[in-house]
Amino acid sequence: MSFFFVDPEIYEKHKDDVLALSQSIQVNYPEHLPPDQRSPALSDRQIAERLGLDERTVREIRCVGEREYYDIEEYDRAAIFKETQCRAYAEKGLSGITAKYVERARAAKKD
């Protein structure tokens, strides 16, 4: 396994921008926003091009930054959410999230 190091000054300089542009913090793409106000996240490659960094540096900044940003309870909640969604898919053939839209559509047809 190789070892990759990002200079702490580079990390501090770009951490907030990398996290804001990535999918790490998903606050600007919720379903309740009108499509013209949504701003989907960029890939590591796109972020690297925008910030003038290489992709591996961006990936390292993002991964380390996520560990700083989220506490362990957030990771636990994410693991529970993922397991719940996987089980729902195994049982119904739909994710639990998709299922709510299907159920809404069926209810609307009945009305």
PDB file of N, CA and C in Angstrom:
ATOM      1  N   MET A   1       0.857  -1.182   0.000  1.00  0.00           N
ATOM      2  CA  MET A   1       0.000   0.000   0.000  1.00  0.00           C
ATOM      3  C   MET A   1       0.896   1.235   0.000  1.00  0.00           C
ATOM      4  N   SER A   2       0.564   2.193  -0.816  1.00  0.00           N
ATOM      5  CA  SER A   2       1.360   3.416  -0.886  1.00  0.00           C
ATOM      6  C   SER A   2       0.890   4.424   0.165  1.00  0.00           C
ATOM      7  N   PHE A   3       1.740   5.379   0.418  1.00  0.00           N
ATOM      8  CA  PHE A   3       1.460   6.422   1.398  1.00  0.00           C
ATOM      9  C   PHE A   3       1.384   7.746   0.658  1.00  0.00           C
ATOM     10  N   PHE A   4       0.358   8.532   0.936  1.00  0.00           N
ATOM     11  CA  PHE A   4       0.196   9.823   0.275  1.00  0.00           C
ATOM     12  C   PHE A   4       0.084  10.897   1.338  1.00  0.00           C
ATOM     13  N   PHE A   5       0.782  11.984   1.141  1.00  0.00           N
ATOM     14  CA  PHE A   5       0.847  13.055   2.129  1.00  0.00           C
ATOM     15  C   PHE A   5       0.439  14.370   1.486  1.00  0.00           C
ATOM     16  N   VAL A   6      -0.422  15.116   2.153  1.00  0.00           N
ATOM     17  CA  VAL A   6      -0.792  16.461   1.710  1.00  0.00           C
ATOM     18  C   VAL A   6      -0.214  17.439   2.715  1.00  0.00           C
ATOM     19  N   ASP A   7       0.494  18.423   2.219  1.00  0.00           N
ATOM     20  CA  ASP A   7       1.072  19.446   3.083  1.00  0.00           C
ATOM     21  C   ASP A   7      -0.038  20.092   3.906  1.00  0.00           C
ATOM     22  N   PRO A   8       0.150  20.254   5.219  1.00  0.00           N
ATOM     23  CA  PRO A   8      -0.898  20.835   6.069  1.00  0.00           C
ATOM     24  C   PRO A   8      -1.368  22.220   5.608  1.00  0.00           C
ATOM     25  N   GLU A   9      -0.475  23.009   5.035  1.00  0.00           N
ATOM     26  CA  GLU A   9      -0.888  24.332   4.541  1.00  0.00           C
ATOM     27  C   GLU A   9      -1.842  24.203   3.354  1.00  0.00           C
ATOM     28  N   ILE A  10      -1.549  23.256   2.463  1.00  0.00           N
ATOM     29  CA  ILE A  10      -2.439  23.010   1.309  1.00  0.00           C
ATOM     30  C   ILE A  10      -3.787  22.508   1.822  1.00  0.00           C
ATOM     31  N   TYR A  11      -3.736  21.606   2.785  1.00  0.00           N
ATOM     32  CA  TYR A  11      -4.963  21.055   3.355  1.00  0.00           C
ATOM     33  C   TYR A  11      -5.830  22.165   3.943  1.00  0.00           C
ATOM     34  N   GLU A  12      -5.263  22.975   4.798  1.00  0.00           N
ATOM     35  CA  GLU A  12      -6.022  24.054   5.445  1.00  0.00           C
ATOM     36  C   GLU A  12      -6.542  25.067   4.434  1.00  0.00           C
ATOM     37  N   LYS A  13      -5.756  25.351   3.430  1.00  0.00           N
ATOM     38  CA  LYS A  13      -6.150  26.339   2.419  1.00  0.00           C
ATOM     39  C   LYS A  13      -7.358  25.872   1.610  1.00  0.00           C
ATOM     40  N   HIS A  14      -7.419  24.571   1.303  1.00  0.00           N
ATOM     41  CA  HIS A  14      -8.436  24.081   0.365  1.00  0.00           C
ATOM     42  C   HIS A  14      -9.544  23.239   0.992  1.00  0.00           C
ATOM     43  N   LYS A  15      -9.423  22.879   2.262  1.00  0.00           N
ATOM     44  CA  LYS A  15     -10.384  21.965   2.887  1.00  0.00           C
ATOM     45  C   LYS A  15     -11.829  22.451   2.754  1.00  0.00           C
ATOM     46  N   ASP A  16     -12.101  23.673   3.111  1.00  0.00           N
ATOM     47  CA  ASP A  16     -13.488  24.168   3.079  1.00  0.00           C
ATOM     48  C   ASP A  16     -14.054  24.169   1.661  1.00  0.00           C
ATOM     49  N   ASP A  17     -13.234  24.572   0.690  1.00  0.00           N
ATOM     50  CA  ASP A  17     -13.695  24.580  -0.700  1.00  0.00           C
ATOM     51  C   ASP A  17     -13.952  23.165  -1.206  1.00  0.00           C
ATOM     52  N   VAL A  18     -13.043  22.239  -0.901  1.00  0.00           N
ATOM     53  CA  VAL A  18     -13.219  20.859  -1.353  1.00  0.00           C
ATOM     54  C   VAL A  18     -14.498  20.269  -0.766  1.00  0.00           C
ATOM     55  N   LEU A  19     -14.710  20.455   0.519  1.00  0.00           N
ATOM     56  CA  LEU A  19     -15.921  19.907   1.144  1.00  0.00           C
ATOM     57  C   LEU A  19     -17.184  20.561   0.595  1.00  0.00           C
ATOM     58  N   ALA A  20     -17.136  21.850   0.359  1.00  0.00           N
ATOM     59  CA  ALA A  20     -18.311  22.558  -0.155  1.00  0.00           C
ATOM     60  C   ALA A  20     -18.658  22.128  -1.584  1.00  0.00           C
ATOM     61  N   LEU A  21     -17.648  21.830  -2.385  1.00  0.00           N
ATOM     62  CA  LEU A  21     -17.885  21.455  -3.780  1.00  0.00           C
ATOM     63  C   LEU A  21     -18.185  19.971  -3.959  1.00  0.00           C
ATOM     64  N   SER A  22     -17.854  19.169  -2.969  1.00  0.00           N
ATOM     65  CA  SER A  22     -18.029  17.719  -3.087  1.00  0.00           C
ATOM     66  C   SER A  22     -19.401  17.304  -2.588  1.00  0.00           C
ATOM     67  N   GLN A  23     -19.613  16.003  -2.553  1.00  0.00           N
ATOM     68  CA  GLN A  23     -20.863  15.475  -2.010  1.00  0.00           C
ATOM     69  C   GLN A  23     -20.777  15.233  -0.515  1.00  0.00           C
ATOM     70  N   SER A  24     -19.700  15.681   0.098  1.00  0.00           N
ATOM     71  CA  SER A  24     -19.500  15.456   1.526  1.00  0.00           C
ATOM     72  C   SER A  24     -20.591  16.101   2.363  1.00  0.00           C
ATOM     73  N   ILE A  25     -20.952  17.310   2.017  1.00  0.00           N
ATOM     74  CA  ILE A  25     -21.960  18.046   2.768  1.00  0.00           C
ATOM     75  C   ILE A  25     -23.113  18.317   1.812  1.00  0.00           C
ATOM     76  N   GLN A  26     -24.171  17.561   1.963  1.00  0.00           N
ATOM     77  CA  GLN A  26     -25.270  17.633   1.009  1.00  0.00           C
ATOM     78  C   GLN A  26     -26.368  18.550   1.531  1.00  0.00           C
ATOM     79  N   VAL A  27     -26.145  19.832   1.390  1.00  0.00           N
ATOM     80  CA  VAL A  27     -27.132  20.798   1.848  1.00  0.00           C
ATOM     81  C   VAL A  27     -27.739  21.591   0.704  1.00  0.00           C
ATOM     82  N   ASN A  28     -27.169  21.488  -0.476  1.00  0.00           N
ATOM     83  CA  ASN A  28     -27.641  22.332  -1.565  1.00  0.00           C
ATOM     84  C   ASN A  28     -28.339  21.549  -2.672  1.00  0.00           C
ATOM     85  N   TYR A  29     -28.675  20.315  -2.430  1.00  0.00           N
ATOM     86  CA  TYR A  29     -29.328  19.523  -3.472  1.00  0.00           C
ATOM     87  C   TYR A  29     -30.533  18.738  -2.940  1.00  0.00           C
ATOM     88  N   PRO A  30     -31.251  19.275  -1.961  1.00  0.00           N
ATOM     89  CA  PRO A  30     -32.393  18.523  -1.447  1.00  0.00           C
ATOM     90  C   PRO A  30     -33.558  18.554  -2.429  1.00  0.00           C
ATOM     91  N   GLU A  31     -34.373  17.544  -2.318  1.00  0.00           N
ATOM     92  CA  GLU A  31     -35.486  17.383  -3.253  1.00  0.00           C
ATOM     93  C   GLU A  31     -36.513  18.501  -3.170  1.00  0.00           C
ATOM     94  N   HIS A  32     -36.578  19.212  -2.051  1.00  0.00           N
ATOM     95  CA  HIS A  32     -37.614  20.239  -1.924  1.00  0.00           C
ATOM     96  C   HIS A  32     -37.225  21.561  -2.596  1.00  0.00           C
ATOM     97  N   LEU A  33     -35.981  21.693  -3.040  1.00  0.00           N
ATOM     98  CA  LEU A  33     -35.591  22.914  -3.741  1.00  0.00           C
ATOM     99  C   LEU A  33     -36.033  22.847  -5.198  1.00  0.00           C
ATOM    100  N   PRO A  34     -36.435  23.969  -5.764  1.00  0.00           N
ATOM    101  CA  PRO A  34     -36.751  23.983  -7.188  1.00  0.00           C
ATOM    102  C   PRO A  34     -35.495  23.623  -7.993  1.00  0.00           C
ATOM    103  N   PRO A  35     -35.651  22.948  -9.115  1.00  0.00           N
ATOM    104  CA  PRO A  35     -34.486  22.515  -9.907  1.00  0.00           C
ATOM    105  C   PRO A  35     -33.498  23.638 -10.238  1.00  0.00           C
ATOM    106  N   ASP A  36     -33.985  24.847 -10.464  1.00  0.00           N
ATOM    107  CA  ASP A  36     -33.072  25.942 -10.826  1.00  0.00           C
ATOM    108  C   ASP A  36     -32.226  26.416  -9.640  1.00  0.00           C
ATOM    109  N   GLN A  37     -32.575  25.991  -8.428  1.00  0.00           N
ATOM    110  CA  GLN A  37     -31.798  26.373  -7.248  1.00  0.00           C
ATOM    111  C   GLN A  37     -30.890  25.245  -6.763  1.00  0.00           C
ATOM    112  N   ARG A  38     -31.000  24.076  -7.357  1.00  0.00           N
ATOM    113  CA  ARG A  38     -30.174  22.940  -6.952  1.00  0.00           C
ATOM    114  C   ARG A  38     -28.774  23.076  -7.526  1.00  0.00           C
ATOM    115  N   SER A  39     -27.824  22.593  -6.774  1.00  0.00           N
ATOM    116  CA  SER A  39     -26.438  22.661  -7.218  1.00  0.00           C
ATOM    117  C   SER A  39     -25.753  21.338  -6.909  1.00  0.00           C
ATOM    118  N   PRO A  40     -25.804  20.388  -7.830  1.00  0.00           N
ATOM    119  CA  PRO A  40     -25.204  19.093  -7.559  1.00  0.00           C
ATOM    120  C   PRO A  40     -23.697  19.213  -7.326  1.00  0.00           C
ATOM    121  N   ALA A  41     -23.171  18.294  -6.564  1.00  0.00           N
ATOM    122  CA  ALA A  41     -21.752  18.312  -6.217  1.00  0.00           C
ATOM    123  C   ALA A  41     -20.883  17.951  -7.411  1.00  0.00           C
ATOM    124  N   LEU A  42     -19.608  18.277  -7.276  1.00  0.00           N
ATOM    125  CA  LEU A  42     -18.622  17.968  -8.312  1.00  0.00           C
ATOM    126  C   LEU A  42     -17.840  16.717  -7.927  1.00  0.00           C
ATOM    127  N   SER A  43     -17.286  16.058  -8.921  1.00  0.00           N
ATOM    128  CA  SER A  43     -16.408  14.915  -8.667  1.00  0.00           C
ATOM    129  C   SER A  43     -15.053  15.427  -8.193  1.00  0.00           C
ATOM    130  N   ASP A  44     -14.244  14.534  -7.665  1.00  0.00           N
ATOM    131  CA  ASP A  44     -12.900  14.929  -7.238  1.00  0.00           C
ATOM    132  C   ASP A  44     -12.112  15.517  -8.408  1.00  0.00           C
ATOM    133  N   ARG A  45     -12.264  14.921  -9.573  1.00  0.00           N
ATOM    134  CA  ARG A  45     -11.557  15.423 -10.759  1.00  0.00           C
ATOM    135  C   ARG A  45     -12.004  16.847 -11.109  1.00  0.00           C
ATOM    136  N   GLN A  46     -13.317  17.087 -11.067  1.00  0.00           N
ATOM    137  CA  GLN A  46     -13.830  18.426 -11.378  1.00  0.00           C
ATOM    138  C   GLN A  46     -13.358  19.453 -10.348  1.00  0.00           C
ATOM    139  N   ILE A  47     -13.342  19.054  -9.090  1.00  0.00           N
ATOM    140  CA  ILE A  47     -12.866  19.954  -8.033  1.00  0.00           C
ATOM    141  C   ILE A  47     -11.387  20.260  -8.254  1.00  0.00           C
ATOM    142  N   ALA A  48     -10.607  19.239  -8.571  1.00  0.00           N
ATOM    143  CA  ALA A  48      -9.175  19.429  -8.811  1.00  0.00           C
ATOM    144  C   ALA A  48      -8.943  20.426  -9.942  1.00  0.00           C
ATOM    145  N   GLU A  49      -9.691  20.286 -11.016  1.00  0.00           N
ATOM    146  CA  GLU A  49      -9.551  21.212 -12.150  1.00  0.00           C
ATOM    147  C   GLU A  49      -9.922  22.635 -11.729  1.00  0.00           C
ATOM    148  N   ARG A  50     -10.987  22.776 -10.969  1.00  0.00           N
ATOM    149  CA  ARG A  50     -11.441  24.096 -10.548  1.00  0.00           C
ATOM    150  C   ARG A  50     -10.439  24.775  -9.609  1.00  0.00           C
ATOM    151  N   LEU A  51      -9.833  23.985  -8.705  1.00  0.00           N
ATOM    152  CA  LEU A  51      -8.929  24.550  -7.701  1.00  0.00           C
ATOM    153  C   LEU A  51      -7.457  24.513  -8.111  1.00  0.00           C
ATOM    154  N   GLY A  52      -7.169  23.915  -9.259  1.00  0.00           N
ATOM    155  CA  GLY A  52      -5.784  23.842  -9.710  1.00  0.00           C
ATOM    156  C   GLY A  52      -4.945  22.851  -8.926  1.00  0.00           C
ATOM    157  N   LEU A  53      -5.572  21.778  -8.460  1.00  0.00           N
ATOM    158  CA  LEU A  53      -4.886  20.726  -7.713  1.00  0.00           C
ATOM    159  C   LEU A  53      -4.957  19.425  -8.502  1.00  0.00           C
ATOM    160  N   ASP A  54      -4.191  18.425  -8.081  1.00  0.00           N
ATOM    161  CA  ASP A  54      -4.348  17.130  -8.730  1.00  0.00           C
ATOM    162  C   ASP A  54      -5.448  16.347  -8.004  1.00  0.00           C
ATOM    163  N   GLU A  55      -6.015  15.397  -8.712  1.00  0.00           N
ATOM    164  CA  GLU A  55      -7.180  14.659  -8.203  1.00  0.00           C
ATOM    165  C   GLU A  55      -6.865  13.911  -6.902  1.00  0.00           C
ATOM    166  N   ARG A  56      -5.699  13.340  -6.801  1.00  0.00           N
ATOM    167  CA  ARG A  56      -5.347  12.584  -5.598  1.00  0.00           C
ATOM    168  C   ARG A  56      -5.281  13.502  -4.368  1.00  0.00           C
ATOM    169  N   THR A  57      -4.782  14.708  -4.555  1.00  0.00           N
ATOM    170  CA  THR A  57      -4.725  15.671  -3.448  1.00  0.00           C
ATOM    171  C   THR A  57      -6.134  16.031  -2.998  1.00  0.00           C
ATOM    172  N   VAL A  58      -7.014  16.274  -3.950  1.00  0.00           N
ATOM    173  CA  VAL A  58      -8.407  16.595  -3.611  1.00  0.00           C
ATOM    174  C   VAL A  58      -9.052  15.440  -2.862  1.00  0.00           C
ATOM    175  N   ARG A  59      -8.833  14.221  -3.325  1.00  0.00           N
ATOM    176  CA  ARG A  59      -9.419  13.059  -2.666  1.00  0.00           C
ATOM    177  C   ARG A  59      -8.929  12.943  -1.215  1.00  0.00           C
ATOM    178  N   GLU A  60      -7.648  13.155  -1.013  1.00  0.00           N
ATOM    179  CA  GLU A  60      -7.094  13.077   0.341  1.00  0.00           C
ATOM    180  C   GLU A  60      -7.669  14.181   1.240  1.00  0.00           C
ATOM    181  N   ILE A  61      -7.739  15.390   0.711  1.00  0.00           N
ATOM    182  CA  ILE A  61      -8.314  16.502   1.482  1.00  0.00           C
ATOM    183  C   ILE A  61      -9.760  16.193   1.843  1.00  0.00           C
ATOM    184  N   ARG A  62     -10.518  15.683   0.880  1.00  0.00           N
ATOM    185  CA  ARG A  62     -11.936  15.374   1.129  1.00  0.00           C
ATOM    186  C   ARG A  62     -12.088  14.292   2.193  1.00  0.00           C
ATOM    187  N   CYS A  63     -11.346  13.222   2.075  1.00  0.00           N
ATOM    188  CA  CYS A  63     -11.473  12.114   3.031  1.00  0.00           C
ATOM    189  C   CYS A  63     -11.082  12.527   4.448  1.00  0.00           C
ATOM    190  N   VAL A  64      -9.978  13.232   4.565  1.00  0.00           N
ATOM    191  CA  VAL A  64      -9.549  13.688   5.896  1.00  0.00           C
ATOM    192  C   VAL A  64     -10.525  14.738   6.426  1.00  0.00           C
ATOM    193  N   GLY A  65     -10.962  15.644   5.556  1.00  0.00           N
ATOM    194  CA  GLY A  65     -11.901  16.688   5.955  1.00  0.00           C
ATOM    195  C   GLY A  65     -13.228  16.130   6.436  1.00  0.00           C
ATOM    196  N   GLU A  66     -13.703  15.062   5.787  1.00  0.00           N
ATOM    197  CA  GLU A  66     -14.945  14.431   6.219  1.00  0.00           C
ATOM    198  C   GLU A  66     -14.808  13.873   7.633  1.00  0.00           C
ATOM    199  N   ARG A  67     -13.658  13.294   7.922  1.00  0.00           N
ATOM    200  CA  ARG A  67     -13.425  12.742   9.267  1.00  0.00           C
ATOM    201  C   ARG A  67     -13.421  13.843  10.313  1.00  0.00           C
ATOM    202  N   GLU A  68     -12.928  15.009   9.956  1.00  0.00           N
ATOM    203  CA  GLU A  68     -12.947  16.138  10.886  1.00  0.00           C
ATOM    204  C   GLU A  68     -14.352  16.711  11.048  1.00  0.00           C
ATOM    205  N   TYR A  69     -15.083  16.776   9.945  1.00  0.00           N
ATOM    206  CA  TYR A  69     -16.387  17.440   9.931  1.00  0.00           C
ATOM    207  C   TYR A  69     -17.464  16.637  10.661  1.00  0.00           C
ATOM    208  N   TYR A  70     -17.496  15.318  10.406  1.00  0.00           N
ATOM    209  CA  TYR A  70     -18.548  14.482  10.970  1.00  0.00           C
ATOM    210  C   TYR A  70     -18.045  13.729  12.194  1.00  0.00           C
ATOM    211  N   ASP A  71     -18.854  13.708  13.247  1.00  0.00           N
ATOM    212  CA  ASP A  71     -18.484  12.922  14.411  1.00  0.00           C
ATOM    213  C   ASP A  71     -18.880  11.458  14.199  1.00  0.00           C
ATOM    214  N   ILE A  72     -18.453  10.601  15.098  1.00  0.00           N
ATOM    215  CA  ILE A  72     -18.680   9.168  14.944  1.00  0.00           C
ATOM    216  C   ILE A  72     -20.164   8.814  14.948  1.00  0.00           C
ATOM    217  N   GLU A  73     -20.981   9.583  15.647  1.00  0.00           N
ATOM    218  CA  GLU A  73     -22.417   9.302  15.673  1.00  0.00           C
ATOM    219  C   GLU A  73     -23.038   9.471  14.277  1.00  0.00           C
ATOM    220  N   GLU A  74     -22.511  10.415  13.521  1.00  0.00           N
ATOM    221  CA  GLU A  74     -23.016  10.614  12.152  1.00  0.00           C
ATOM    222  C   GLU A  74     -22.727   9.391  11.282  1.00  0.00           C
ATOM    223  N   TYR A  75     -21.545   8.821  11.445  1.00  0.00           N
ATOM    224  CA  TYR A  75     -21.209   7.607  10.703  1.00  0.00           C
ATOM    225  C   TYR A  75     -22.105   6.449  11.137  1.00  0.00           C
ATOM    226  N   ASP A  76     -22.401   6.357  12.429  1.00  0.00           N
ATOM    227  CA  ASP A  76     -23.300   5.318  12.921  1.00  0.00           C
ATOM    228  C   ASP A  76     -24.692   5.475  12.320  1.00  0.00           C
ATOM    229  N   ARG A  77     -25.201   6.709  12.294  1.00  0.00           N
ATOM    230  CA  ARG A  77     -26.525   6.962  11.701  1.00  0.00           C
ATOM    231  C   ARG A  77     -26.525   6.611  10.212  1.00  0.00           C
ATOM    232  N   ALA A  78     -25.451   6.936   9.536  1.00  0.00           N
ATOM    233  CA  ALA A  78     -25.357   6.620   8.102  1.00  0.00           C
ATOM    234  C   ALA A  78     -25.358   5.108   7.880  1.00  0.00           C
ATOM    235  N   ALA A  79     -24.646   4.377   8.719  1.00  0.00           N
ATOM    236  CA  ALA A  79     -24.606   2.919   8.586  1.00  0.00           C
ATOM    237  C   ALA A  79     -25.986   2.311   8.809  1.00  0.00           C
ATOM    238  N   ILE A  80     -26.713   2.818   9.798  1.00  0.00           N
ATOM    239  CA  ILE A  80     -28.070   2.329  10.070  1.00  0.00           C
ATOM    240  C   ILE A  80     -28.985   2.657   8.889  1.00  0.00           C
ATOM    241  N   PHE A  81     -28.878   3.878   8.367  1.00  0.00           N
ATOM    242  CA  PHE A  81     -29.695   4.277   7.219  1.00  0.00           C
ATOM    243  C   PHE A  81     -29.421   3.367   6.024  1.00  0.00           C
ATOM    244  N   LYS A  82     -28.142   3.127   5.744  1.00  0.00           N
ATOM    245  CA  LYS A  82     -27.783   2.283   4.594  1.00  0.00           C
ATOM    246  C   LYS A  82     -28.302   0.865   4.765  1.00  0.00           C
ATOM    247  N   GLU A  83     -28.174   0.324   5.967  1.00  0.00           N
ATOM    248  CA  GLU A  83     -28.672  -1.035   6.207  1.00  0.00           C
ATOM    249  C   GLU A  83     -30.186  -1.092   6.031  1.00  0.00           C
ATOM    250  N   THR A  84     -30.890  -0.105   6.552  1.00  0.00           N
ATOM    251  CA  THR A  84     -32.347  -0.050   6.413  1.00  0.00           C
ATOM    252  C   THR A  84     -32.752  -0.004   4.944  1.00  0.00           C
ATOM    253  N   GLN A  85     -32.054   0.830   4.170  1.00  0.00           N
ATOM    254  CA  GLN A  85     -32.381   0.951   2.747  1.00  0.00           C
ATOM    255  C   GLN A  85     -32.079  -0.330   1.987  1.00  0.00           C
ATOM    256  N   CYS A  86     -30.974  -0.984   2.316  1.00  0.00           N
ATOM    257  CA  CYS A  86     -30.625  -2.249   1.650  1.00  0.00           C
ATOM    258  C   CYS A  86     -31.652  -3.328   1.961  1.00  0.00           C
ATOM    259  N   ARG A  87     -32.090  -3.387   3.219  1.00  0.00           N
ATOM    260  CA  ARG A  87     -33.098  -4.382   3.592  1.00  0.00           C
ATOM    261  C   ARG A  87     -34.432  -4.099   2.890  1.00  0.00           C
ATOM    262  N   ALA A  88     -34.791  -2.829   2.792  1.00  0.00           N
ATOM    263  CA  ALA A  88     -36.030  -2.468   2.091  1.00  0.00           C
ATOM    264  C   ALA A  88     -35.943  -2.869   0.625  1.00  0.00           C
ATOM    265  N   TYR A  89     -34.791  -2.666   0.024  1.00  0.00           N
ATOM    266  CA  TYR A  89     -34.619  -3.046  -1.376  1.00  0.00           C
ATOM    267  C   TYR A  89     -34.723  -4.566  -1.533  1.00  0.00           C
ATOM    268  N   ALA A  90     -34.098  -5.295  -0.617  1.00  0.00           N
ATOM    269  CA  ALA A  90     -34.143  -6.753  -0.687  1.00  0.00           C
ATOM    270  C   ALA A  90     -35.568  -7.275  -0.533  1.00  0.00           C
ATOM    271  N   GLU A  91     -36.352  -6.619   0.303  1.00  0.00           N
ATOM    272  CA  GLU A  91     -37.725  -7.057   0.555  1.00  0.00           C
ATOM    273  C   GLU A  91     -38.700  -6.629  -0.539  1.00  0.00           C
ATOM    274  N   LYS A  92     -38.547  -5.383  -1.030  1.00  0.00           N
ATOM    275  CA  LYS A  92     -39.538  -4.806  -1.936  1.00  0.00           C
ATOM    276  C   LYS A  92     -39.046  -4.609  -3.364  1.00  0.00           C
ATOM    277  N   GLY A  93     -37.742  -4.681  -3.569  1.00  0.00           N
ATOM    278  CA  GLY A  93     -37.203  -4.401  -4.900  1.00  0.00           C
ATOM    279  C   GLY A  93     -37.080  -2.915  -5.167  1.00  0.00           C
ATOM    280  N   LEU A  94     -37.362  -2.107  -4.160  1.00  0.00           N
ATOM    281  CA  LEU A  94     -37.231  -0.651  -4.249  1.00  0.00           C
ATOM    282  C   LEU A  94     -36.517  -0.169  -3.008  1.00  0.00           C
ATOM    283  N   SER A  95     -35.797   0.907  -3.138  1.00  0.00           N
ATOM    284  CA  SER A  95     -35.233   1.482  -1.917  1.00  0.00           C
ATOM    285  C   SER A  95     -36.372   2.101  -1.124  1.00  0.00           C
ATOM    286  N   GLY A  96     -36.177   2.254   0.157  1.00  0.00           N
ATOM    287  CA  GLY A  96     -37.194   2.869   0.998  1.00  0.00           C
ATOM    288  C   GLY A  96     -37.503   4.285   0.567  1.00  0.00           C
ATOM    289  N   ILE A  97     -36.530   4.951   0.033  1.00  0.00           N
ATOM    290  CA  ILE A  97     -36.722   6.334  -0.405  1.00  0.00           C
ATOM    291  C   ILE A  97     -37.570   6.368  -1.664  1.00  0.00           C
ATOM    292  N   THR A  98     -37.245   5.512  -2.629  1.00  0.00           N
ATOM    293  CA  THR A  98     -38.032   5.453  -3.857  1.00  0.00           C
ATOM    294  C   THR A  98     -39.456   5.002  -3.555  1.00  0.00           C
ATOM    295  N   ALA A  99     -39.593   4.096  -2.621  1.00  0.00           N
ATOM    296  CA  ALA A  99     -40.909   3.551  -2.288  1.00  0.00           C
ATOM    297  C   ALA A  99     -41.886   4.639  -1.870  1.00  0.00           C
ATOM    298  N   LYS A 100     -41.410   5.657  -1.165  1.00  0.00           N
ATOM    299  CA  LYS A 100     -42.339   6.703  -0.727  1.00  0.00           C
ATOM    300  C   LYS A 100     -42.931   7.451  -1.918  1.00  0.00           C
ATOM    301  N   TYR A 101     -42.160   7.606  -2.996  1.00  0.00           N
ATOM    302  CA  TYR A 101     -42.690   8.271  -4.183  1.00  0.00           C
ATOM    303  C   TYR A 101     -43.685   7.384  -4.913  1.00  0.00           C
ATOM    304  N   VAL A 102     -43.409   6.099  -4.947  1.00  0.00           N
ATOM    305  CA  VAL A 102     -44.336   5.143  -5.579  1.00  0.00           C
ATOM    306  C   VAL A 102     -45.648   5.140  -4.812  1.00  0.00           C
ATOM    307  N   GLU A 103     -45.549   5.096  -3.480  1.00  0.00           N
ATOM    308  CA  GLU A 103     -46.759   5.099  -2.663  1.00  0.00           C
ATOM    309  C   GLU A 103     -47.555   6.384  -2.838  1.00  0.00           C
ATOM    310  N   ARG A 104     -46.873   7.516  -2.935  1.00  0.00           N
ATOM    311  CA  ARG A 104     -47.566   8.791  -3.177  1.00  0.00           C
ATOM    312  C   ARG A 104     -48.283   8.782  -4.525  1.00  0.00           C
ATOM    313  N   ALA A 105     -47.606   8.266  -5.536  1.00  0.00           N
ATOM    314  CA  ALA A 105     -48.214   8.224  -6.881  1.00  0.00           C
ATOM    315  C   ALA A 105     -49.443   7.322  -6.893  1.00  0.00           C
ATOM    316  N   ARG A 106     -49.349   6.180  -6.227  1.00  0.00           N
ATOM    317  CA  ARG A 106     -50.509   5.280  -6.152  1.00  0.00           C
ATOM    318  C   ARG A 106     -51.661   5.932  -5.410  1.00  0.00           C
ATOM    319  N   ALA A 107     -51.363   6.629  -4.325  1.00  0.00           N
ATOM    320  CA  ALA A 107     -52.411   7.318  -3.555  1.00  0.00           C
ATOM    321  C   ALA A 107     -53.051   8.416  -4.391  1.00  0.00           C
ATOM    322  N   ALA A 108     -52.249   9.136  -5.165  1.00  0.00           N
ATOM    323  CA  ALA A 108     -52.795  10.214  -6.003  1.00  0.00           C
ATOM    324  C   ALA A 108     -53.714   9.659  -7.085  1.00  0.00           C
ATOM    325  N   LYS A 109     -53.393   8.472  -7.626  1.00  0.00           N
ATOM    326  CA  LYS A 109     -54.234   7.869  -8.661  1.00  0.00           C
ATOM    327  C   LYS A 109     -55.586   7.450  -8.106  1.00  0.00           C
ATOM    328  N   LYS A 110     -55.603   7.055  -6.827  1.00  0.00           N
ATOM    329  CA  LYS A 110     -56.849   6.625  -6.211  1.00  0.00           C
ATOM    330  C   LYS A 110     -57.801   7.789  -5.993  1.00  0.00           C
ATOM    331  N   ASP A 111     -57.244   8.984  -5.832  1.00  0.00           N
ATOM    332  CA  ASP A 111     -58.083  10.171  -5.546  1.00  0.00           C
ATOM    333  C   ASP A 111     -58.776  10.669  -6.740  1.00  0.00           C
TER     334      ASP A 111
END
